[in-house]
Amino acid sequence: FLADAALGEGFKGSAIAAIDLDSAELETAEMETTALPYGLKLRGGKFYSDFGYINAQHSHQWDFADQPLIYQLCLGSHGLNDKGLQLSWLAPTPFYLLAGMEVFQGENELMFAHHGEAPLSQKDGPRVGVGWLKFAPELPGGHALQLGVFGATGVHQEEHDGNEDGVPDHWMDGDSSFWGGDFVYKFN
């Protein structure tokens, strides 16, 4: 289920929910500005992070069947999809140059998560910070190229029951981070 609407002057909103016979899950629910000056845009709610090329896309938009292994192993089947806030800037250049930063609550399935209870006290959010830069030069004909760099850092906490007696006996509390680059070439 997809809902998309203008929310008064200068704002728009959208929501995506997965619904089947047994359950429903809210995948995204976001609001963003459409009229800030100087190429700025503010976005808030539950949304997919814009780092890289595919994380911001819902899986049915991919040109391939399987999620890349690095996304699946580090971020889980939904990638980095969390409640947060994003500020992006589209530079006034003759080529595409977009920079952005995001903060999230840290409710990711794997890398930036809190799995446990007391004595593992959950750190207050935001627990994850993401930054990215995307560049696309003007190319002749039907050629298109986009290059990007990104990075993220955040808190990961989890408890374990090492001797499997039903009582957690050790806890991990630390920082996780990743960084990388992406490129996409298309020809029409």
Protein backbone atom coordinates (compact mmCIF):
# COMPACT_ATOMS: atom_id res chain seq x y z
CA PHE A 1 0.00 0.00 0.00
CA LEU A 2 1.41 3.40 -1.02
CA ALA A 3 0.07 6.82 -0.05
CA ASP A 4 1.63 10.04 -1.36
CA ALA A 5 0.23 13.56 -0.91
CA ALA A 6 1.02 17.26 -0.77
CA LEU A 7 0.71 18.48 2.82
CA GLY A 8 0.05 22.16 2.37
CA GLU A 9 2.41 24.61 0.76
CA GLY A 10 6.04 23.54 0.88
CA PHE A 11 5.56 20.01 2.27
CA LYS A 12 4.81 16.55 0.96
CA GLY A 13 4.38 13.22 2.68
CA SER A 14 4.30 9.55 1.83
CA ALA A 15 3.82 6.19 3.49
CA ILE A 16 4.37 2.60 2.41
CA ALA A 17 2.81 -0.33 4.27
CA ALA A 18 3.19 -4.04 3.58
CA ILE A 19 -0.14 -5.74 4.17
CA ASP A 20 -1.03 -9.41 3.91
CA LEU A 21 -3.75 -11.64 5.36
CA ASP A 22 -1.98 -12.10 8.70
CA SER A 23 -0.21 -8.83 9.41
CA ALA A 24 0.67 -5.29 8.41
CA GLU A 25 3.99 -3.48 8.66
CA LEU A 26 4.65 0.23 8.21
CA GLU A 27 7.78 0.35 6.05
CA THR A 28 8.05 4.13 5.60
CA ALA A 29 6.13 7.19 6.77
CA GLU A 30 7.89 10.45 5.98
CA MET A 31 7.39 14.13 5.45
CA GLU A 32 9.75 16.43 3.55
CA THR A 33 10.03 20.05 2.56
CA THR A 34 9.71 21.11 -1.06
CA ALA A 35 10.41 24.84 -0.93
CA LEU A 36 13.42 25.56 1.28
CA PRO A 37 15.90 28.07 -0.18
CA TYR A 38 19.47 27.44 -1.39
CA GLY A 39 18.82 23.86 -2.52
CA LEU A 40 18.15 22.60 1.02
CA LYS A 41 15.67 19.86 1.86
CA LEU A 42 14.61 18.58 5.28
CA ARG A 43 13.03 15.15 5.70
CA GLY A 44 11.74 13.39 8.80
CA GLY A 45 9.90 10.24 9.82
CA LYS A 46 10.66 6.60 9.11
CA PHE A 47 12.57 6.29 5.85
CA TYR A 48 15.38 4.51 4.03
CA SER A 49 18.77 6.21 4.38
CA ASP A 50 20.02 7.83 1.17
CA PHE A 51 23.57 6.48 1.48
CA GLY A 52 24.84 4.59 -1.56
CA TYR A 53 22.71 3.81 -4.58
CA ILE A 54 20.26 1.07 -3.56
CA ASN A 55 19.59 1.56 0.17
CA ALA A 56 17.03 4.34 -0.49
CA GLN A 57 15.12 2.10 -2.90
CA HIS A 58 12.45 -0.34 -1.83
CA SER A 59 13.39 -3.89 -2.85
CA HIS A 60 10.77 -4.07 -5.63
CA GLN A 61 12.58 -1.15 -7.37
CA TRP A 62 15.87 -3.05 -7.71
CA ASP A 63 17.05 -4.19 -11.13
CA PHE A 64 18.10 -7.54 -9.65
CA ALA A 65 16.52 -10.23 -7.50
CA ASP A 66 18.75 -10.45 -4.42
CA GLN A 67 19.96 -7.87 -1.96
CA PRO A 68 23.74 -7.42 -2.02
CA LEU A 69 25.34 -9.65 0.60
CA ILE A 70 27.08 -6.79 2.46
CA TYR A 71 23.74 -5.03 3.03
CA GLN A 72 22.08 -8.23 4.20
CA LEU A 73 24.87 -9.23 6.59
CA CYS A 74 25.49 -5.79 8.12
CA LEU A 75 22.11 -4.05 8.00
CA GLY A 76 19.54 -6.82 7.60
CA SER A 77 16.90 -7.50 4.98
CA HIS A 78 15.49 -3.94 5.10
CA GLY A 79 18.86 -2.11 4.88
CA LEU A 80 19.10 1.07 6.93
CA ASN A 81 15.41 1.98 7.40
CA ASP A 82 14.78 3.83 10.65
CA LYS A 83 13.10 6.79 12.31
CA GLY A 84 15.18 9.91 11.84
CA LEU A 85 15.90 13.26 10.29
CA GLN A 86 17.76 14.15 7.07
CA LEU A 87 19.18 17.42 5.77
CA SER A 88 20.37 17.49 2.15
CA TRP A 89 21.78 20.17 -0.11
CA LEU A 90 21.62 20.23 -3.91
CA ALA A 91 24.50 22.47 -4.98
CA PRO A 92 23.83 25.14 -7.63
CA THR A 93 26.35 23.68 -10.08
CA PRO A 94 26.05 22.82 -13.80
CA PHE A 95 26.39 19.14 -12.80
CA TYR A 96 24.57 17.11 -10.15
CA LEU A 97 26.15 17.48 -6.69
CA LEU A 98 24.14 16.39 -3.65
CA ALA A 99 25.37 16.26 -0.05
CA GLY A 100 23.45 15.02 2.94
CA MET A 101 23.53 14.01 6.56
CA GLU A 102 21.11 11.96 8.60
CA VAL A 103 20.54 11.00 12.21
CA PHE A 104 18.52 7.92 13.18
CA GLN A 105 17.17 6.42 16.40
CA GLY A 106 19.23 3.24 15.97
CA GLU A 107 16.55 0.59 15.60
CA ASN A 108 18.24 -1.26 12.74
CA GLU A 109 17.93 -5.05 12.61
CA LEU A 110 21.65 -5.75 12.96
CA MET A 111 24.51 -3.25 12.97
CA PHE A 112 23.02 -0.35 14.92
CA ALA A 113 20.70 -2.06 17.36
CA HIS A 114 19.84 -2.54 21.00
CA HIS A 115 19.12 -6.18 21.81
CA GLY A 116 18.65 -6.66 25.51
CA GLU A 117 17.35 -5.37 28.82
CA ALA A 118 18.82 -4.12 32.12
CA PRO A 119 21.66 -4.00 33.10
CA LEU A 120 22.29 -3.08 29.44
CA SER A 121 20.81 0.40 29.50
CA GLN A 122 19.78 1.66 26.08
CA LYS A 123 21.55 4.85 25.06
CA ASP A 124 19.19 7.64 24.11
CA GLY A 125 18.88 8.53 20.42
CA PRO A 126 19.88 9.56 17.99
CA ARG A 127 22.17 6.54 17.94
CA VAL A 128 23.27 6.58 14.26
CA GLY A 129 24.78 9.30 12.06
CA VAL A 130 25.14 9.03 8.27
CA GLY A 131 26.80 11.32 5.73
CA TRP A 132 27.01 11.08 1.94
CA LEU A 133 28.03 12.94 -1.20
CA LYS A 134 26.79 12.15 -4.74
CA PHE A 135 28.21 13.51 -7.99
CA ALA A 136 26.99 13.06 -11.57
CA PRO A 137 28.88 14.77 -14.39
CA GLU A 138 27.17 15.85 -17.60
CA LEU A 139 27.95 13.20 -20.24
CA PRO A 140 27.11 13.31 -23.95
CA GLY A 141 24.46 11.20 -25.65
CA GLY A 142 22.66 8.50 -23.74
CA HIS A 143 25.40 8.05 -21.14
CA ALA A 144 24.82 8.68 -17.42
CA LEU A 145 27.23 8.24 -14.52
CA GLN A 146 26.80 8.77 -10.79
CA LEU A 147 29.59 8.48 -8.21
CA GLY A 148 29.15 8.58 -4.45
CA VAL A 149 30.92 8.27 -1.12
CA PHE A 150 29.29 7.61 2.24
CA GLY A 151 29.91 6.73 5.85
CA ALA A 152 27.96 5.97 9.01
CA THR A 153 28.70 5.48 12.67
CA GLY A 154 26.50 4.48 15.57
CA VAL A 155 25.97 2.55 18.78
CA HIS A 156 25.45 -1.21 18.91
CA GLN A 157 24.41 -2.97 22.13
CA GLU A 158 23.46 -6.58 22.75
CA GLU A 159 23.29 -9.17 25.49
CA HIS A 160 24.24 -12.85 25.23
CA ASP A 161 23.53 -16.00 27.16
CA GLY A 162 26.89 -17.75 26.70
CA ASN A 163 26.11 -20.86 28.77
CA GLU A 164 22.49 -21.06 27.51
CA ASP A 165 20.92 -21.20 30.97
CA GLY A 166 18.29 -18.57 30.12
CA VAL A 167 20.12 -15.77 31.96
CA PRO A 168 22.28 -13.28 30.03
CA ASP A 169 25.85 -13.45 31.30
CA HIS A 170 27.74 -11.00 29.09
CA TRP A 171 26.95 -7.77 27.29
CA MET A 172 28.47 -5.88 24.36
CA ASP A 173 28.25 -2.11 24.14
CA GLY A 174 30.24 -0.28 21.50
CA ASP A 175 30.37 1.66 18.27
CA SER A 176 29.91 0.32 14.76
CA SER A 177 30.74 2.14 11.56
CA PHE A 178 31.01 1.63 7.83
CA TRP A 179 32.13 3.67 4.86
CA GLY A 180 32.25 3.10 1.15
CA GLY A 181 31.70 4.29 -2.36
CA ASP A 182 29.38 3.53 -5.23
CA PHE A 183 29.15 4.13 -8.93
CA VAL A 184 26.41 3.62 -11.46
CA TYR A 185 26.73 3.82 -15.23
CA LYS A 186 23.70 3.75 -17.51
CA PHE A 187 23.35 3.87 -21.27
CA ASN A 188 20.08 4.43 -23.11
